[in-house]
C-alpha atoms as a PDB file:
ATOM      1  CA  MET A   1     -25.369   6.043  23.809  1.00  0.00           C
ATOM      2  CA  THR A   2     -22.331   8.045  22.485  1.00  0.00           C
ATOM      3  CA  SER A   3     -22.976  11.195  20.300  1.00  0.00           C
ATOM      4  CA  ILE A   4     -22.872  10.276  16.667  1.00  0.00           C
ATOM      5  CA  GLY A   5     -21.027  13.583  15.743  1.00  0.00           C
ATOM      6  CA  ASN A   6     -20.085  13.827  12.009  1.00  0.00           C
ATOM      7  CA  PRO A   7     -19.379  10.400  10.492  1.00  0.00           C
ATOM      8  CA  LEU A   8     -16.959  11.975   7.948  1.00  0.00           C
ATOM      9  CA  ASP A   9     -14.650  12.720  10.687  1.00  0.00           C
ATOM     10  CA  LEU A  10     -13.828   9.072  10.864  1.00  0.00           C
ATOM     11  CA  PHE A  11     -11.908   9.619   7.607  1.00  0.00           C
ATOM     12  CA  ARG A  12     -10.007  12.746   8.484  1.00  0.00           C
ATOM     13  CA  LEU A  13      -6.178  12.568   9.240  1.00  0.00           C
ATOM     14  CA  ASP A  14      -5.606  16.138  10.348  1.00  0.00           C
ATOM     15  CA  GLY A  15      -2.185  16.541  11.635  1.00  0.00           C
ATOM     16  CA  ARG A  16      -1.488  12.878  11.333  1.00  0.00           C
ATOM     17  CA  THR A  17       1.699  11.934   9.744  1.00  0.00           C
ATOM     18  CA  VAL A  18       1.747   9.420   6.884  1.00  0.00           C
ATOM     19  CA  ILE A  19       4.250   7.724   4.881  1.00  0.00           C
ATOM     20  CA  VAL A  20       3.548   6.439   1.360  1.00  0.00           C
ATOM     21  CA  THR A  21       6.157   4.283  -0.345  1.00  0.00           C
ATOM     22  CA  GLY A  22       6.204   4.017  -4.108  1.00  0.00           C
ATOM     23  CA  ALA A  23       4.600   7.377  -4.366  1.00  0.00           C
ATOM     24  CA  SER A  24       6.038   8.445  -7.777  1.00  0.00           C
ATOM     25  CA  ALA A  25       3.434   7.011  -9.909  1.00  0.00           C
ATOM     26  CA  GLY A  26       0.205   5.189 -10.146  1.00  0.00           C
ATOM     27  CA  LEU A  27      -1.637   4.130  -7.040  1.00  0.00           C
ATOM     28  CA  GLY A  28       1.194   5.513  -4.798  1.00  0.00           C
ATOM     29  CA  ASP A  29       0.764   8.918  -6.293  1.00  0.00           C
ATOM     30  CA  ARG A  30      -3.148   8.684  -5.824  1.00  0.00           C
ATOM     31  CA  PHE A  31      -2.747   7.575  -2.273  1.00  0.00           C
ATOM     32  CA  ALA A  32      -0.433  10.626  -1.342  1.00  0.00           C
ATOM     33  CA  ARG A  33      -2.849  12.958  -2.855  1.00  0.00           C
ATOM     34  CA  VAL A  34      -6.006  11.399  -1.190  1.00  0.00           C
ATOM     35  CA  LEU A  35      -4.274  11.253   2.351  1.00  0.00           C
ATOM     36  CA  HIS A  36      -3.069  14.980   1.818  1.00  0.00           C
ATOM     37  CA  ALA A  37      -6.709  15.916   0.961  1.00  0.00           C
ATOM     38  CA  VAL A  38      -7.904  14.794   4.349  1.00  0.00           C
ATOM     39  CA  GLY A  39      -5.373  16.583   6.398  1.00  0.00           C
ATOM     40  CA  ALA A  40      -2.380  14.320   6.646  1.00  0.00           C
ATOM     41  CA  ASN A  41       1.302  15.427   6.818  1.00  0.00           C
ATOM     42  CA  VAL A  42       2.447  13.320   3.780  1.00  0.00           C
ATOM     43  CA  VAL A  43       6.003  11.973   3.364  1.00  0.00           C
ATOM     44  CA  VAL A  44       6.416  10.364  -0.026  1.00  0.00           C
ATOM     45  CA  ALA A  45       9.052   7.999  -0.933  1.00  0.00           C
ATOM     46  CA  ALA A  46      10.253   6.583  -4.115  1.00  0.00           C
ATOM     47  CA  ARG A  47      13.519   6.175  -6.320  1.00  0.00           C
ATOM     48  CA  ARG A  48      12.472   8.895  -9.012  1.00  0.00           C
ATOM     49  CA  ALA A  49      13.419  12.112  -7.455  1.00  0.00           C
ATOM     50  CA  ASP A  50      12.044  14.265 -10.255  1.00  0.00           C
ATOM     51  CA  ARG A  51       8.520  12.751  -9.980  1.00  0.00           C
ATOM     52  CA  LEU A  52       8.717  12.957  -6.236  1.00  0.00           C
ATOM     53  CA  ALA A  53       9.437  16.689  -6.414  1.00  0.00           C
ATOM     54  CA  ALA A  54       6.550  17.334  -8.776  1.00  0.00           C
ATOM     55  CA  LEU A  55       4.308  15.529  -6.340  1.00  0.00           C
ATOM     56  CA  GLN A  56       5.541  17.509  -3.352  1.00  0.00           C
ATOM     57  CA  ALA A  57       4.987  20.645  -5.282  1.00  0.00           C
ATOM     58  CA  ASP A  58       1.220  19.606  -5.491  1.00  0.00           C
ATOM     59  CA  LEU A  59       1.142  18.729  -1.593  1.00  0.00           C
ATOM     60  CA  PRO A  60       1.911  21.617   0.487  1.00  0.00           C
ATOM     61  CA  GLY A  61       3.694  20.949   3.653  1.00  0.00           C
ATOM     62  CA  SER A  62       4.753  17.386   2.448  1.00  0.00           C
ATOM     63  CA  LEU A  63       8.043  15.888   2.646  1.00  0.00           C
ATOM     64  CA  ALA A  64       9.915  13.992  -0.285  1.00  0.00           C
ATOM     65  CA  VAL A  65      12.462  11.351   0.468  1.00  0.00           C
ATOM     66  CA  ALA A  66      14.305   9.797  -2.659  1.00  0.00           C
ATOM     67  CA  ALA A  67      14.885   6.286  -1.533  1.00  0.00           C
ATOM     68  CA  ASP A  68      15.298   2.810  -3.134  1.00  0.00           C
ATOM     69  CA  LEU A  69      13.231   0.681  -0.660  1.00  0.00           C
ATOM     70  CA  SER A  70      14.839  -2.421  -1.484  1.00  0.00           C
ATOM     71  CA  LEU A  71      17.886  -1.172   0.402  1.00  0.00           C
ATOM     72  CA  GLU A  72      18.132  -1.307   4.201  1.00  0.00           C
ATOM     73  CA  ASP A  73      19.902   1.939   4.480  1.00  0.00           C
ATOM     74  CA  ASP A  74      17.376   3.880   2.533  1.00  0.00           C
ATOM     75  CA  ARG A  75      14.611   2.356   4.454  1.00  0.00           C
ATOM     76  CA  GLU A  76      16.209   3.688   7.793  1.00  0.00           C
ATOM     77  CA  ARG A  77      16.795   7.111   6.294  1.00  0.00           C
ATOM     78  CA  LEU A  78      13.105   7.455   5.144  1.00  0.00           C
ATOM     79  CA  VAL A  79      11.859   6.891   8.643  1.00  0.00           C
ATOM     80  CA  ARG A  80      14.724   8.769  10.390  1.00  0.00           C
ATOM     81  CA  ASP A  81      13.877  11.768   8.091  1.00  0.00           C
ATOM     82  CA  THR A  82      10.151  11.489   8.858  1.00  0.00           C
ATOM     83  CA  VAL A  83      10.656  11.505  12.507  1.00  0.00           C
ATOM     84  CA  GLU A  84      13.053  14.510  12.494  1.00  0.00           C
ATOM     85  CA  ARG A  85      10.659  16.417  10.497  1.00  0.00           C
ATOM     86  CA  PHE A  86       7.208  15.593  12.083  1.00  0.00           C
ATOM     87  CA  GLY A  87       8.187  13.775  15.372  1.00  0.00           C
ATOM     88  CA  GLY A  88       6.867  10.344  14.464  1.00  0.00           C
ATOM     89  CA  VAL A  89       4.823   8.254  12.257  1.00  0.00           C
ATOM     90  CA  ASP A  90       1.007   7.746  12.705  1.00  0.00           C
ATOM     91  CA  VAL A  91       0.260   5.981   9.370  1.00  0.00           C
ATOM     92  CA  LEU A  92       2.436   3.653   7.065  1.00  0.00           C
ATOM     93  CA  VAL A  93       1.327   2.812   3.657  1.00  0.00           C
ATOM     94  CA  ASN A  94       3.536   0.140   2.122  1.00  0.00           C
ATOM     95  CA  ASN A  95       2.714   0.627  -1.312  1.00  0.00           C
ATOM     96  CA  ALA A  96       6.249   0.034  -3.269  1.00  0.00           C
ATOM     97  CA  GLY A  97       6.410  -3.102  -5.011  1.00  0.00           C
ATOM     98  CA  ILE A  98       7.303  -4.858  -8.448  1.00  0.00           C
ATOM     99  CA  GLY A  99       5.974  -7.569 -10.652  1.00  0.00           C
ATOM    100  CA  HIS A 100       6.287  -8.850 -14.131  1.00  0.00           C
ATOM    101  CA  LYS A 101       4.890 -11.433 -16.384  1.00  0.00           C
ATOM    102  CA  VAL A 102       7.348 -14.435 -16.561  1.00  0.00           C
ATOM    103  CA  ALA A 103       7.155 -18.264 -16.456  1.00  0.00           C
ATOM    104  CA  VAL A 104       8.668 -19.863 -13.458  1.00  0.00           C
ATOM    105  CA  GLU A 105      11.013 -21.869 -15.798  1.00  0.00           C
ATOM    106  CA  ASP A 106      12.153 -18.794 -17.342  1.00  0.00           C
ATOM    107  CA  GLU A 107      12.633 -16.598 -14.464  1.00  0.00           C
ATOM    108  CA  PRO A 108      16.232 -16.085 -12.716  1.00  0.00           C
ATOM    109  CA  LEU A 109      16.699 -16.689  -9.106  1.00  0.00           C
ATOM    110  CA  ASP A 110      17.974 -13.201  -8.629  1.00  0.00           C
ATOM    111  CA  HIS A 111      14.443 -11.939  -9.998  1.00  0.00           C
ATOM    112  CA  PHE A 112      12.522 -13.767  -7.404  1.00  0.00           C
ATOM    113  CA  ARG A 113      14.899 -12.675  -4.765  1.00  0.00           C
ATOM    114  CA  ALA A 114      14.748  -9.104  -5.720  1.00  0.00           C
ATOM    115  CA  THR A 115      10.852  -9.179  -5.708  1.00  0.00           C
ATOM    116  CA  MET A 116      10.874 -10.851  -2.198  1.00  0.00           C
ATOM    117  CA  GLU A 117      13.146  -7.992  -1.014  1.00  0.00           C
ATOM    118  CA  LEU A 118      11.002  -5.081  -2.140  1.00  0.00           C
ATOM    119  CA  ASN A 119       7.584  -6.819  -1.804  1.00  0.00           C
ATOM    120  CA  VAL A 120       8.066  -8.562   1.634  1.00  0.00           C
ATOM    121  CA  THR A 121      11.226  -7.627   3.427  1.00  0.00           C
ATOM    122  CA  ALA A 122      10.890  -3.928   3.050  1.00  0.00           C
ATOM    123  CA  VAL A 123       7.327  -4.188   4.228  1.00  0.00           C
ATOM    124  CA  TRP A 124       8.583  -6.099   7.364  1.00  0.00           C
ATOM    125  CA  HIS A 125      11.473  -3.535   7.882  1.00  0.00           C
ATOM    126  CA  LEU A 126       9.604  -0.452   7.458  1.00  0.00           C
ATOM    127  CA  SER A 127       6.752  -1.811   9.729  1.00  0.00           C
ATOM    128  CA  LYS A 128       9.530  -2.564  12.452  1.00  0.00           C
ATOM    129  CA  LEU A 129      10.983   0.879  12.052  1.00  0.00           C
ATOM    130  CA  VAL A 130       7.731   2.918  12.476  1.00  0.00           C
ATOM    131  CA  ALA A 131       6.716   0.800  15.234  1.00  0.00           C
ATOM    132  CA  PRO A 132       8.448   2.448  18.131  1.00  0.00           C
ATOM    133  CA  SER A 133       6.768   5.847  17.543  1.00  0.00           C
ATOM    134  CA  MET A 134       3.240   4.327  17.172  1.00  0.00           C
ATOM    135  CA  ILE A 135       3.805   2.408  20.541  1.00  0.00           C
ATOM    136  CA  ALA A 136       5.092   5.492  22.158  1.00  0.00           C
ATOM    137  CA  ARG A 137       1.839   7.249  21.067  1.00  0.00           C
ATOM    138  CA  GLY A 138      -0.372   4.308  21.717  1.00  0.00           C
ATOM    139  CA  SER A 139      -1.823   4.175  18.251  1.00  0.00           C
ATOM    140  CA  GLY A 140      -0.771   3.707  14.595  1.00  0.00           C
ATOM    141  CA  SER A 141      -2.058   2.069  11.493  1.00  0.00           C
ATOM    142  CA  ILE A 142       0.049   0.230   9.009  1.00  0.00           C
ATOM    143  CA  VAL A 143      -1.602  -0.350   5.556  1.00  0.00           C
ATOM    144  CA  ASN A 144      -0.007  -2.982   3.308  1.00  0.00           C
ATOM    145  CA  ILE A 145      -0.797  -2.807  -0.258  1.00  0.00           C
ATOM    146  CA  ALA A 146      -0.953  -6.559  -1.224  1.00  0.00           C
ATOM    147  CA  SER A 147      -3.084  -7.681  -4.189  1.00  0.00           C
ATOM    148  CA  MET A 148      -5.918 -10.090  -4.928  1.00  0.00           C
ATOM    149  CA  TYR A 149      -3.328 -12.268  -6.199  1.00  0.00           C
ATOM    150  CA  GLY A 150      -2.168 -12.669  -2.372  1.00  0.00           C
ATOM    151  CA  HIS A 151      -5.380 -14.759  -2.149  1.00  0.00           C
ATOM    152  CA  VAL A 152      -5.722 -16.471  -5.418  1.00  0.00           C
ATOM    153  CA  ALA A 153      -3.450 -17.722  -8.291  1.00  0.00           C
ATOM    154  CA  ALA A 154      -2.650 -15.421 -11.328  1.00  0.00           C
ATOM    155  CA  ALA A 155      -2.391 -18.047 -13.954  1.00  0.00           C
ATOM    156  CA  PRO A 156      -2.856 -17.866 -16.949  1.00  0.00           C
ATOM    157  CA  VAL A 157      -1.021 -14.710 -16.108  1.00  0.00           C
ATOM    158  CA  LYS A 158       2.435 -16.031 -15.185  1.00  0.00           C
ATOM    159  CA  GLN A 159       3.526 -14.225 -11.930  1.00  0.00           C
ATOM    160  CA  ALA A 160       4.417 -16.814  -9.288  1.00  0.00           C
ATOM    161  CA  HIS A 161       7.116 -14.301  -7.823  1.00  0.00           C
ATOM    162  CA  TYR A 162       4.264 -11.584  -7.208  1.00  0.00           C
ATOM    163  CA  CYS A 163       1.701 -14.061  -6.032  1.00  0.00           C
ATOM    164  CA  ALA A 164       4.290 -15.539  -3.506  1.00  0.00           C
ATOM    165  CA  SER A 165       5.225 -12.106  -2.254  1.00  0.00           C
ATOM    166  CA  LYS A 166       1.827 -10.776  -1.943  1.00  0.00           C
ATOM    167  CA  GLY A 167       0.458 -13.932  -0.224  1.00  0.00           C
ATOM    168  CA  ALA A 168       3.431 -13.307   2.214  1.00  0.00           C
ATOM    169  CA  VAL A 169       2.337  -9.856   2.720  1.00  0.00           C
ATOM    170  CA  VAL A 170      -1.330 -10.940   3.653  1.00  0.00           C
ATOM    171  CA  ASN A 171      -0.018 -13.271   6.368  1.00  0.00           C
ATOM    172  CA  LEU A 172       2.546 -10.916   7.604  1.00  0.00           C
ATOM    173  CA  THR A 173      -0.216  -8.517   8.009  1.00  0.00           C
ATOM    174  CA  ARG A 174      -2.252 -11.127  10.188  1.00  0.00           C
ATOM    175  CA  GLU A 175       0.903 -11.733  12.311  1.00  0.00           C
ATOM    176  CA  LEU A 176       1.891  -8.107  12.734  1.00  0.00           C
ATOM    177  CA  ALA A 177      -1.536  -7.349  13.723  1.00  0.00           C
ATOM    178  CA  ALA A 178      -1.586 -10.061  16.314  1.00  0.00           C
ATOM    179  CA  GLN A 179       1.773  -9.096  17.794  1.00  0.00           C
ATOM    180  CA  TRP A 180       1.151  -5.244  17.991  1.00  0.00           C
ATOM    181  CA  GLY A 181      -2.773  -5.107  18.577  1.00  0.00           C
ATOM    182  CA  ARG A 182      -2.262  -4.549  22.290  1.00  0.00           C
ATOM    183  CA  LYS A 183       0.142  -1.943  21.672  1.00  0.00           C
ATOM    184  CA  GLY A 184      -2.159   0.210  19.732  1.00  0.00           C
ATOM    185  CA  ILE A 185      -0.977  -0.530  16.346  1.00  0.00           C
ATOM    186  CA  ARG A 186      -3.359  -1.930  13.605  1.00  0.00           C
ATOM    187  CA  VAL A 187      -2.094  -3.625  10.536  1.00  0.00           C
ATOM    188  CA  ASN A 188      -4.457  -4.180   7.694  1.00  0.00           C
ATOM    189  CA  ALA A 189      -3.915  -5.091   3.927  1.00  0.00           C
ATOM    190  CA  LEU A 190      -5.559  -3.374   0.943  1.00  0.00           C
ATOM    191  CA  CYS A 191      -5.750  -5.738  -1.948  1.00  0.00           C
ATOM    192  CA  PRO A 192      -6.614  -4.105  -5.171  1.00  0.00           C
ATOM    193  CA  GLY A 193      -7.570  -6.172  -8.330  1.00  0.00           C
ATOM    194  CA  PHE A 194      -6.987  -4.751 -11.988  1.00  0.00           C
ATOM    195  CA  PHE A 195      -6.336  -1.067 -11.775  1.00  0.00           C
ATOM    196  CA  ARG A 196      -4.443   1.266 -14.034  1.00  0.00           C
ATOM    197  CA  SER A 197      -0.826   1.569 -12.989  1.00  0.00           C
ATOM    198  CA  GLU A 198       2.837   1.137 -14.380  1.00  0.00           C
ATOM    199  CA  MET A 199       2.535  -2.695 -13.569  1.00  0.00           C
ATOM    200  CA  THR A 200      -0.715  -2.930 -15.607  1.00  0.00           C
ATOM    201  CA  ALA A 201       0.449  -0.602 -18.362  1.00  0.00           C
ATOM    202  CA  GLY A 202      -1.221  -1.483 -21.766  1.00  0.00           C
ATOM    203  CA  MET A 203      -3.994  -3.622 -20.221  1.00  0.00           C
ATOM    204  CA  ASP A 204      -6.512  -0.907 -20.521  1.00  0.00           C
ATOM    205  CA  THR A 205      -6.000  -0.841 -24.341  1.00  0.00           C
ATOM    206  CA  ASP A 206      -5.347  -4.233 -25.130  1.00  0.00           C
ATOM    207  CA  GLU A 207      -8.462  -6.238 -26.363  1.00  0.00           C
ATOM    208  CA  GLY A 208      -7.441  -9.327 -25.356  1.00  0.00           C
ATOM    209  CA  SER A 209      -6.938  -8.308 -21.855  1.00  0.00           C
ATOM    210  CA  GLN A 210     -10.173  -6.270 -21.619  1.00  0.00           C
ATOM    211  CA  ARG A 211     -11.991  -9.464 -22.827  1.00  0.00           C
ATOM    212  CA  TYR A 212     -10.343 -11.523 -20.372  1.00  0.00           C
ATOM    213  CA  ILE A 213     -11.441  -9.234 -17.390  1.00  0.00           C
ATOM    214  CA  ALA A 214     -14.896  -8.981 -18.775  1.00  0.00           C
ATOM    215  CA  GLN A 215     -15.282 -12.703 -18.952  1.00  0.00           C
ATOM    216  CA  MET A 216     -13.770 -13.376 -15.517  1.00  0.00           C
ATOM    217  CA  SER A 217     -14.774 -10.717 -13.332  1.00  0.00           C
ATOM    218  CA  PRO A 218     -18.339 -10.004 -11.885  1.00  0.00           C
ATOM    219  CA  ILE A 219     -17.903  -6.477 -12.340  1.00  0.00           C
ATOM    220  CA  PRO A 220     -16.627  -6.756 -15.915  1.00  0.00           C
ATOM    221  CA  ARG A 221     -13.969  -3.847 -16.284  1.00  0.00           C
ATOM    222  CA  MET A 222     -10.870  -2.653 -14.466  1.00  0.00           C
ATOM    223  CA  GLY A 223     -11.274  -0.455 -11.344  1.00  0.00           C
ATOM    224  CA  GLU A 224     -11.061   3.383 -11.661  1.00  0.00           C
ATOM    225  CA  GLU A 225      -8.485   4.880  -9.452  1.00  0.00           C
ATOM    226  CA  HIS A 226     -10.822   6.632  -7.093  1.00  0.00           C
ATOM    227  CA  GLU A 227     -12.338   3.307  -6.226  1.00  0.00           C
ATOM    228  CA  LEU A 228      -9.536   2.599  -3.830  1.00  0.00           C
ATOM    229  CA  ASP A 229      -9.874   5.966  -2.040  1.00  0.00           C
ATOM    230  CA  ALA A 230     -12.651   5.059   0.570  1.00  0.00           C
ATOM    231  CA  ALA A 231     -10.857   1.656   1.594  1.00  0.00           C
ATOM    232  CA  LEU A 232      -7.513   3.428   2.001  1.00  0.00           C
ATOM    233  CA  LEU A 233      -9.134   6.062   4.216  1.00  0.00           C
ATOM    234  CA  LEU A 234     -10.971   3.528   6.300  1.00  0.00           C
ATOM    235  CA  LEU A 235      -7.989   1.608   6.972  1.00  0.00           C
ATOM    236  CA  ALA A 236      -5.524   4.596   7.639  1.00  0.00           C
ATOM    237  CA  GLY A 237      -7.956   6.634   9.553  1.00  0.00           C
ATOM    238  CA  PRO A 238      -9.905   6.458  12.917  1.00  0.00           C
ATOM    239  CA  GLY A 239     -12.837   4.758  11.263  1.00  0.00           C
ATOM    240  CA  SER A 240     -11.138   1.450  11.850  1.00  0.00           C
ATOM    241  CA  THR A 241     -10.105   1.441  15.315  1.00  0.00           C
ATOM    242  CA  TYR A 242     -11.570  -2.215  15.915  1.00  0.00           C
ATOM    243  CA  LEU A 243     -10.265  -3.571  12.414  1.00  0.00           C
ATOM    244  CA  THR A 244      -6.694  -5.257  12.410  1.00  0.00           C
ATOM    245  CA  GLY A 245      -5.246  -8.364  10.728  1.00  0.00           C
ATOM    246  CA  GLN A 246      -7.967  -8.094   7.738  1.00  0.00           C
ATOM    247  CA  SER A 247      -7.785  -7.947   4.013  1.00  0.00           C
ATOM    248  CA  ILE A 248     -10.088  -5.656   2.113  1.00  0.00           C
ATOM    249  CA  ILE A 249     -10.130  -6.863  -1.287  1.00  0.00           C
ATOM    250  CA  VAL A 250     -11.218  -4.407  -3.886  1.00  0.00           C
ATOM    251  CA  ASP A 251     -11.253  -6.531  -7.112  1.00  0.00           C
ATOM    252  CA  GLY A 252     -14.711  -6.305  -8.930  1.00  0.00           C
ATOM    253  CA  GLY A 253     -15.595  -9.444  -7.342  1.00  0.00           C
ATOM    254  CA  TRP A 254     -12.748 -11.352  -8.923  1.00  0.00           C
ATOM    255  CA  THR A 255     -11.945 -13.414  -5.979  1.00  0.00           C
ATOM    256  CA  ALA A 256     -15.580 -14.180  -5.212  1.00  0.00           C
ATOM    257  CA  ARG A 257     -15.808 -16.572  -8.021  1.00  0.00           C
END
């Protein structure tokens, strides 16, 4: 029987290099801070350079890369800058994404395309770009931030573009895990339910939204930001070396009904 050691070490990322996209606000900001707190070299990426600079100031040793992740060149620059600074990538957290309330009949085709480019194509492309350094090291973890709406419909909240994109991320996660498992790369999805973010702005103070969540969710409230920390650290770190191709759904039981 192997020595137990300190189980908390399974959640440490000392000296590991982690990219977090969509880090300028909400969940991405929180993810970056949590990963830095367990010892990671954190690279934060988003479009809003001023917010990234403020975050970087709070995370000694971090790297901020202002980038529009819907653009191929910016994705390539992000990974190139990371490799130049830290020598490789150990963990990628694909968090950047968009979604809005709109009925299918009212949604422009260009809006749907833009959603798929950022929510799906960028996830595929960034994963492809970080894979070489992970394969060279024989290990790596990709954490795709999907959604409970990658598993169930959103209606009466009308977000067909968002559901389609997150459903694609969930199955892309499975396929990348199957292709890269023998090369040492683990790929999993973290699927939040209702958490406070720019995408859910106003829900926490809207009586109708709160009533809807209370009626529909076994845990009748929105999630608190810290309630994703443990799942993130599990998927990113050495505690999940035998876990790949899976979705961890942190939704207060929403999808269990």
